[in-house]
Amino acid sequence: MTAEPSHAYQLSVVIPLFDEEDSLAELHRRLRAALTDWQPVEIIFVDDGSLDGSFKVIREILAHDPDTLAIRFRRNFGKSLALNEAFGVARGRYIATIDADLQDEPDEIPRMLEHLEQNPGIDLVSGWKWPRRDGFIKRWTSRVFNYVVRRSSGITLHDFNCGLKVYRREVLQEIPLYGELHRYIPVLAGQLGFISSELKVRHHPRQHGVSKFGMARFLNGFLDLLTVKFLSSYRNRPLHIFGRLALVFCSAGFGICALFFLQWYLQDYQLRLRPLLVGGMFSVIVGLQCLFFGLLAEMTAHRMALEGQGHKVSLREVLHGSPQPSDDPSTSEAVPQAAETGSET
């Protein structure tokens, strides 16, 4: 087994934020108090274009904590890009994420880290807010969303939206984030073969400010789920989905047109422009368009594969067998000589 690389920090804590000036100082203090047994710990604030005094508070924290890093965006780009930027600079062996609104409890991070260390086969631990301290509408819309994601992805987590998660570093090195895909990190990780686990974590009512997410995020979430499902299942074989759509539309269209043709041919039925006949011809046209789209997508996927941009596998490890000793004295002397020469180069 390959040796695990050394890291500058035992843990990196990533905090994406937007207009959370009233909670940042307390969150930083509570994180430092909760993670004393996991030193050294790096804290990364990502200011996603805040319009209040959030970055002023972050500057004050930086002046007294050399192990804190701040990233500031020129405008609000969204949580996924904020996390992606922080993951690129994080130097910890483990990487934790927590929201800046103080609804998640920093004291839960050590318990999640211990769960990772005690279970080598698990790659990420996701929090499950229990009980959840949000309003009725937010709780139930989130419950529906999580049920749909769970059923469609096969990842049996109860709370995909929980901002409190802990990862092994290698998980996040293989998952690019954009749009609003941050809530699907366990799904994207599962498609690469990483194993997710879940722990119930304490949740508190919001103490400062207001929620930055409205009802639109649930609609966007379902659309992003379609993106994730399509990319995971059909990225390298797009004709499989477009071909199936083409088969459905063409079968329905040809069936309707054949019915009218048989009525005309066998029963001397006068053909006229009827809504059903128009629908049949329209279905044939749509089916042919789906087929052509699928072929064009296959050409694009083929070109990406030739250029080395296609789907890549995720390697767990690469093992090499130990060289066997030789009975020939001359050979046994030559082996160390070659190894020594190779080490110098």
Protein backbone atom coordinates (compact mmCIF):
# COMPACT_ATOMS: atom_id res chain seq x y z
CA MET A 1 0.00 0.00 0.00
CA THR A 2 1.27 3.44 -0.84
CA ALA A 3 2.24 5.66 2.09
CA GLU A 4 -0.15 8.46 2.98
CA PRO A 5 1.36 11.86 2.08
CA SER A 6 2.12 14.29 4.87
CA HIS A 7 0.08 17.49 5.15
CA ALA A 8 0.74 20.85 6.69
CA TYR A 9 -2.39 20.57 8.85
CA GLN A 10 -4.28 17.73 10.45
CA LEU A 11 -7.58 19.40 9.57
CA SER A 12 -8.84 22.23 7.36
CA VAL A 13 -12.22 23.77 8.24
CA VAL A 14 -13.91 25.55 5.33
CA ILE A 15 -16.55 28.20 6.12
CA PRO A 16 -18.46 29.64 3.13
CA LEU A 17 -20.35 32.80 4.08
CA PHE A 18 -22.47 35.65 2.79
CA ASP A 19 -23.46 38.54 5.09
CA GLU A 20 -22.78 36.79 8.43
CA GLU A 21 -20.81 39.46 10.32
CA ASP A 22 -22.61 38.88 13.63
CA SER A 23 -21.68 35.20 13.93
CA LEU A 24 -18.12 34.94 12.57
CA ALA A 25 -16.14 35.84 15.70
CA GLU A 26 -18.13 33.46 17.89
CA LEU A 27 -17.90 30.68 15.32
CA HIS A 28 -14.12 31.08 15.11
CA ARG A 29 -13.79 31.00 18.90
CA ARG A 30 -15.96 27.90 19.24
CA LEU A 31 -14.08 26.09 16.47
CA ARG A 32 -10.72 26.72 18.12
CA ALA A 33 -12.09 25.51 21.46
CA ALA A 34 -13.65 22.37 19.97
CA LEU A 35 -10.62 21.29 17.93
CA THR A 36 -7.81 21.56 20.47
CA ASP A 37 -7.13 17.80 20.21
CA TRP A 38 -6.75 17.94 16.43
CA GLN A 39 -4.03 20.57 16.10
CA PRO A 40 -2.72 21.90 13.85
CA VAL A 41 -6.04 23.11 12.40
CA GLU A 42 -6.43 25.48 9.46
CA ILE A 43 -9.58 27.61 9.20
CA ILE A 44 -10.56 28.97 5.78
CA PHE A 45 -13.19 31.71 5.47
CA VAL A 46 -14.66 32.20 1.99
CA ASP A 47 -16.48 35.54 1.75
CA ASP A 48 -18.86 35.08 -1.16
CA GLY A 49 -19.28 38.77 -1.95
CA SER A 50 -20.72 39.90 1.40
CA LEU A 51 -22.24 43.38 1.47
CA ASP A 52 -22.09 43.89 5.24
CA GLY A 53 -19.07 44.04 7.54
CA SER A 54 -18.22 40.33 7.34
CA PHE A 55 -14.77 40.80 5.86
CA LYS A 56 -13.90 43.45 8.45
CA VAL A 57 -14.55 40.85 11.15
CA ILE A 58 -12.46 38.31 9.21
CA ARG A 59 -9.55 40.79 9.06
CA GLU A 60 -9.67 41.13 12.84
CA ILE A 61 -9.55 37.35 13.19
CA LEU A 62 -6.60 37.10 10.80
CA ALA A 63 -4.64 39.62 12.87
CA HIS A 64 -4.69 37.27 15.88
CA ASP A 65 -4.70 33.80 14.24
CA PRO A 66 -1.87 32.92 11.81
CA ASP A 67 -3.54 29.58 10.99
CA THR A 68 -6.59 31.26 9.43
CA LEU A 69 -6.94 31.96 5.72
CA ALA A 70 -9.47 34.27 4.03
CA ILE A 71 -10.70 34.24 0.44
CA ARG A 72 -12.88 37.11 -0.78
CA PHE A 73 -14.95 37.13 -3.97
CA ARG A 74 -15.74 40.34 -5.84
CA ARG A 75 -19.42 39.41 -5.94
CA ASN A 76 -21.71 36.59 -4.90
CA PHE A 77 -20.86 33.51 -7.00
CA GLY A 78 -22.66 30.85 -4.96
CA LYS A 79 -21.76 28.24 -2.39
CA SER A 80 -20.44 25.64 -4.84
CA LEU A 81 -17.78 27.94 -6.27
CA ALA A 82 -16.89 29.15 -2.78
CA LEU A 83 -16.31 25.58 -1.61
CA ASN A 84 -14.45 24.64 -4.78
CA GLU A 85 -12.04 27.56 -4.32
CA ALA A 86 -11.39 26.66 -0.69
CA PHE A 87 -10.89 22.96 -1.44
CA GLY A 88 -8.19 23.94 -3.91
CA VAL A 89 -6.08 25.71 -1.27
CA ALA A 90 -6.87 23.59 1.80
CA ARG A 91 -3.78 21.86 3.24
CA GLY A 92 -5.37 19.55 5.78
CA ARG A 93 -5.33 15.77 5.89
CA TYR A 94 -9.06 15.98 6.58
CA ILE A 95 -11.38 18.73 5.33
CA ALA A 96 -14.51 19.80 7.19
CA THR A 97 -17.21 22.20 6.07
CA ILE A 98 -19.55 24.15 8.31
CA ASP A 99 -21.98 26.99 7.61
CA ALA A 100 -21.34 30.38 9.21
CA ASP A 101 -24.81 30.89 10.69
CA LEU A 102 -24.11 29.04 13.99
CA GLN A 103 -26.97 26.62 13.38
CA ASP A 104 -24.47 23.74 13.20
CA GLU A 105 -22.48 22.82 16.30
CA PRO A 106 -18.65 22.96 16.00
CA ASP A 107 -18.36 20.43 18.83
CA GLU A 108 -19.72 17.76 16.44
CA ILE A 109 -16.64 17.90 14.18
CA PRO A 110 -14.33 15.91 16.51
CA ARG A 111 -16.94 13.16 16.77
CA MET A 112 -17.19 12.99 12.98
CA LEU A 113 -13.40 12.90 12.67
CA GLU A 114 -13.20 10.03 15.15
CA HIS A 115 -15.83 8.18 13.12
CA LEU A 116 -13.65 8.54 10.02
CA GLU A 117 -10.53 7.35 11.78
CA GLN A 118 -12.27 4.36 13.35
CA ASN A 119 -13.75 3.28 10.00
CA PRO A 120 -11.03 3.19 7.31
CA GLY A 121 -13.54 2.13 4.66
CA ILE A 122 -15.54 5.36 5.01
CA ASP A 123 -14.44 8.39 3.01
CA LEU A 124 -16.85 11.11 4.15
CA VAL A 125 -19.21 11.72 7.05
CA SER A 126 -22.30 13.84 6.50
CA GLY A 127 -24.28 15.47 9.27
CA TRP A 128 -27.97 14.77 9.79
CA LYS A 129 -29.61 17.70 11.58
CA TRP A 130 -31.62 16.09 14.36
CA PRO A 131 -33.91 17.50 15.43
CA ARG A 132 -34.00 20.22 12.81
CA ARG A 133 -34.69 23.73 14.12
CA ASP A 134 -36.18 25.33 11.02
CA GLY A 135 -39.65 26.40 9.99
CA PHE A 136 -42.37 23.97 8.93
CA ILE A 137 -42.18 24.73 5.18
CA LYS A 138 -38.41 24.52 5.05
CA ARG A 139 -38.37 21.23 6.96
CA TRP A 140 -40.97 19.51 4.78
CA THR A 141 -39.72 20.75 1.43
CA SER A 142 -36.26 19.58 2.47
CA ARG A 143 -37.69 16.20 3.48
CA VAL A 144 -39.27 15.76 0.04
CA PHE A 145 -36.05 16.85 -1.66
CA ASN A 146 -33.92 14.43 0.35
CA TYR A 147 -36.33 11.57 -0.34
CA VAL A 148 -36.16 12.14 -4.11
CA VAL A 149 -32.35 12.38 -4.09
CA ARG A 150 -32.08 9.28 -1.93
CA ARG A 151 -34.33 7.23 -4.21
CA SER A 152 -32.76 8.40 -7.45
CA SER A 153 -29.12 8.18 -6.38
CA GLY A 154 -29.06 5.13 -4.15
CA ILE A 155 -27.11 7.09 -1.49
CA THR A 156 -28.96 6.47 1.77
CA LEU A 157 -28.40 9.80 3.51
CA HIS A 158 -31.23 11.67 5.21
CA ASP A 159 -29.88 15.21 4.90
CA PHE A 160 -27.96 16.04 1.74
CA ASN A 161 -28.24 19.78 2.43
CA CYS A 162 -26.49 19.69 5.80
CA GLY A 163 -23.48 22.00 5.64
CA LEU A 164 -21.62 20.05 8.34
CA LYS A 165 -19.51 17.39 6.63
CA VAL A 166 -16.04 15.89 7.07
CA TYR A 167 -14.06 14.42 4.18
CA ARG A 168 -10.86 12.60 3.55
CA ARG A 169 -8.79 14.88 1.40
CA GLU A 170 -8.70 12.60 -1.65
CA VAL A 171 -12.50 12.75 -2.03
CA LEU A 172 -12.54 16.46 -2.81
CA GLN A 173 -9.52 16.29 -5.08
CA GLU A 174 -11.59 14.37 -7.64
CA ILE A 175 -14.88 16.31 -7.58
CA PRO A 176 -15.09 19.68 -9.37
CA LEU A 177 -17.94 21.87 -8.11
CA TYR A 178 -19.89 24.44 -10.11
CA GLY A 179 -23.44 25.73 -10.30
CA GLU A 180 -25.18 24.41 -7.18
CA LEU A 181 -23.69 20.93 -7.06
CA HIS A 182 -22.39 21.30 -3.49
CA ARG A 183 -25.47 19.55 -2.10
CA TYR A 184 -24.68 16.52 -4.26
CA ILE A 185 -21.09 15.92 -3.14
CA PRO A 186 -22.03 12.58 -1.50
CA VAL A 187 -23.75 11.54 -4.74
CA LEU A 188 -20.81 12.57 -6.91
CA ALA A 189 -18.43 10.84 -4.50
CA GLY A 190 -20.51 7.68 -4.56
CA GLN A 191 -20.32 7.56 -8.35
CA LEU A 192 -16.53 7.46 -8.04
CA GLY A 193 -16.65 4.64 -5.51
CA PHE A 194 -16.21 6.61 -2.29
CA ILE A 195 -18.25 5.49 0.72
CA SER A 196 -20.45 7.90 2.69
CA SER A 197 -21.65 7.66 6.26
CA GLU A 198 -24.00 9.76 8.36
CA LEU A 199 -24.17 10.92 11.96
CA LYS A 200 -26.94 12.78 13.73
CA VAL A 201 -25.75 16.24 14.75
CA ARG A 202 -27.23 18.94 16.92
CA HIS A 203 -28.98 21.80 15.17
CA HIS A 204 -29.83 25.24 16.54
CA PRO A 205 -32.27 27.97 15.48
CA ARG A 206 -30.68 30.81 13.54
CA GLN A 207 -29.41 33.45 15.96
CA HIS A 208 -28.31 36.23 13.61
CA GLY A 209 -29.38 37.47 10.20
CA VAL A 210 -31.76 35.74 7.81
CA SER A 211 -31.57 32.65 5.63
CA LYS A 212 -30.01 33.27 2.20
CA PHE A 213 -31.94 30.45 0.51
CA GLY A 214 -35.51 30.73 -0.70
CA MET A 215 -37.93 28.35 -2.34
CA ALA A 216 -36.10 28.72 -5.66
CA ARG A 217 -33.24 26.60 -4.34
CA PHE A 218 -35.48 23.52 -4.25
CA LEU A 219 -36.43 23.90 -7.92
CA ASN A 220 -32.77 24.49 -8.77
CA GLY A 221 -31.88 21.48 -6.66
CA PHE A 222 -34.09 19.14 -8.67
CA LEU A 223 -32.72 20.52 -11.94
CA ASP A 224 -29.19 19.97 -10.66
CA LEU A 225 -30.19 16.41 -9.75
CA LEU A 226 -31.06 15.82 -13.40
CA THR A 227 -27.62 17.17 -14.33
CA VAL A 228 -25.87 14.86 -11.88
CA LYS A 229 -27.91 11.86 -13.02
CA PHE A 230 -27.25 12.56 -16.69
CA LEU A 231 -23.53 13.15 -16.26
CA SER A 232 -23.08 10.05 -14.13
CA SER A 233 -25.12 7.67 -16.26
CA TYR A 234 -24.84 8.96 -19.81
CA ARG A 235 -21.79 11.20 -20.05
CA ASN A 236 -19.83 8.66 -22.09
CA ARG A 237 -22.86 7.14 -23.84
CA PRO A 238 -25.33 9.96 -24.54
CA LEU A 239 -26.97 8.04 -27.38
CA HIS A 240 -28.38 5.62 -24.81
CA ILE A 241 -30.73 8.24 -23.39
CA PHE A 242 -31.38 10.15 -26.62
CA GLY A 243 -31.85 6.86 -28.46
CA ARG A 244 -34.45 5.70 -25.96
CA LEU A 245 -36.33 8.97 -26.30
CA ALA A 246 -36.14 8.61 -30.07
CA LEU A 247 -37.51 5.07 -29.83
CA VAL A 248 -40.46 6.19 -27.71
CA PHE A 249 -41.43 9.14 -29.92
CA CYS A 250 -40.86 7.34 -33.22
CA SER A 251 -42.77 4.25 -32.09
CA ALA A 252 -45.74 6.35 -31.02
CA GLY A 253 -45.62 8.48 -34.17
CA PHE A 254 -45.25 5.59 -36.61
CA GLY A 255 -47.98 3.68 -34.77
CA ILE A 256 -50.46 6.54 -35.15
CA CYS A 257 -49.56 7.11 -38.80
CA ALA A 258 -49.83 3.38 -39.53
CA LEU A 259 -53.32 3.31 -38.01
CA PHE A 260 -54.52 6.05 -40.35
CA PHE A 261 -52.80 4.41 -43.32
CA LEU A 262 -54.49 1.04 -42.66
CA GLN A 263 -57.88 2.73 -42.32
CA TRP A 264 -57.32 4.43 -45.66
CA TYR A 265 -55.96 1.30 -47.39
CA LEU A 266 -58.34 -1.34 -45.99
CA GLN A 267 -61.53 0.61 -45.29
CA ASP A 268 -61.30 3.30 -47.97
CA TYR A 269 -61.22 5.81 -45.12
CA GLN A 270 -60.82 9.36 -46.35
CA LEU A 271 -57.59 10.87 -45.01
CA ARG A 272 -57.99 14.30 -43.54
CA LEU A 273 -55.80 16.50 -41.40
CA ARG A 274 -56.82 15.40 -37.93
CA PRO A 275 -55.23 16.39 -34.59
CA LEU A 276 -54.20 12.79 -33.88
CA LEU A 277 -52.52 12.46 -37.27
CA VAL A 278 -50.70 15.75 -36.73
CA GLY A 279 -49.59 14.48 -33.34
CA GLY A 280 -48.25 11.29 -34.91
CA MET A 281 -46.21 13.16 -37.50
CA PHE A 282 -44.93 15.53 -34.81
CA SER A 283 -43.82 12.55 -32.69
CA VAL A 284 -41.86 11.13 -35.62
CA ILE A 285 -40.09 14.46 -36.16
CA VAL A 286 -39.24 14.79 -32.46
CA GLY A 287 -37.95 11.22 -32.38
CA LEU A 288 -35.66 11.81 -35.36
CA GLN A 289 -34.35 14.99 -33.76
CA CYS A 290 -33.55 13.09 -30.55
CA LEU A 291 -31.68 10.50 -32.59
CA PHE A 292 -29.61 13.17 -34.36
CA PHE A 293 -28.88 14.92 -31.05
CA GLY A 294 -27.70 11.63 -29.62
CA LEU A 295 -25.37 11.01 -32.56
CA LEU A 296 -23.92 14.50 -32.27
CA ALA A 297 -23.40 14.01 -28.53
CA GLU A 298 -21.67 10.68 -29.23
CA MET A 299 -19.30 12.43 -31.62
CA THR A 300 -18.50 15.00 -28.91
CA ALA A 301 -17.93 12.29 -26.29
CA HIS A 302 -15.68 10.39 -28.71
CA ARG A 303 -13.60 13.49 -29.36
CA MET A 304 -13.27 14.19 -25.64
CA ALA A 305 -12.09 10.62 -25.07
CA LEU A 306 -9.46 10.98 -27.79
CA GLU A 307 -8.22 14.21 -26.18
CA GLY A 308 -8.06 12.61 -22.74
CA GLN A 309 -11.01 14.61 -21.36
CA GLY A 310 -13.45 11.74 -21.04
CA HIS A 311 -14.62 10.02 -17.88
CA LYS A 312 -11.73 9.06 -15.60
CA VAL A 313 -11.69 6.26 -13.08
CA SER A 314 -10.89 6.84 -9.42
CA LEU A 315 -7.93 4.77 -8.22
CA ARG A 316 -7.93 3.55 -4.64
CA GLU A 317 -4.32 2.36 -4.69
CA VAL A 318 -1.61 0.83 -6.87
CA LEU A 319 0.36 -2.10 -5.47
CA HIS A 320 3.69 -3.44 -6.65
CA GLY A 321 5.10 -6.83 -5.80
CA SER A 322 8.43 -7.05 -3.99
CA PRO A 323 11.32 -8.26 -6.18
CA GLN A 324 12.18 -11.91 -5.57
CA PRO A 325 15.81 -12.81 -4.75
CA SER A 326 17.66 -14.57 -7.54
CA ASP A 327 19.82 -17.67 -7.27
CA ASP A 328 22.35 -16.19 -9.69
CA PRO A 329 25.01 -14.27 -7.67
CA SER A 330 25.70 -11.90 -10.51
CA THR A 331 22.02 -11.01 -10.80
CA SER A 332 21.60 -10.45 -7.05
CA GLU A 333 24.46 -7.97 -7.12
CA ALA A 334 23.07 -6.15 -10.12
CA VAL A 335 19.67 -5.51 -8.59
CA PRO A 336 20.86 -3.21 -5.76
CA GLN A 337 23.12 -1.43 -8.23
CA ALA A 338 20.14 -0.60 -10.46
CA ALA A 339 18.02 0.50 -7.54
CA GLU A 340 20.76 2.81 -6.27
CA THR A 341 21.22 4.34 -9.70
CA GLY A 342 17.51 4.92 -10.05
CA SER A 343 17.31 6.68 -6.71
CA GLU A 344 20.01 9.15 -7.78
CA THR A 345 18.08 10.17 -10.86
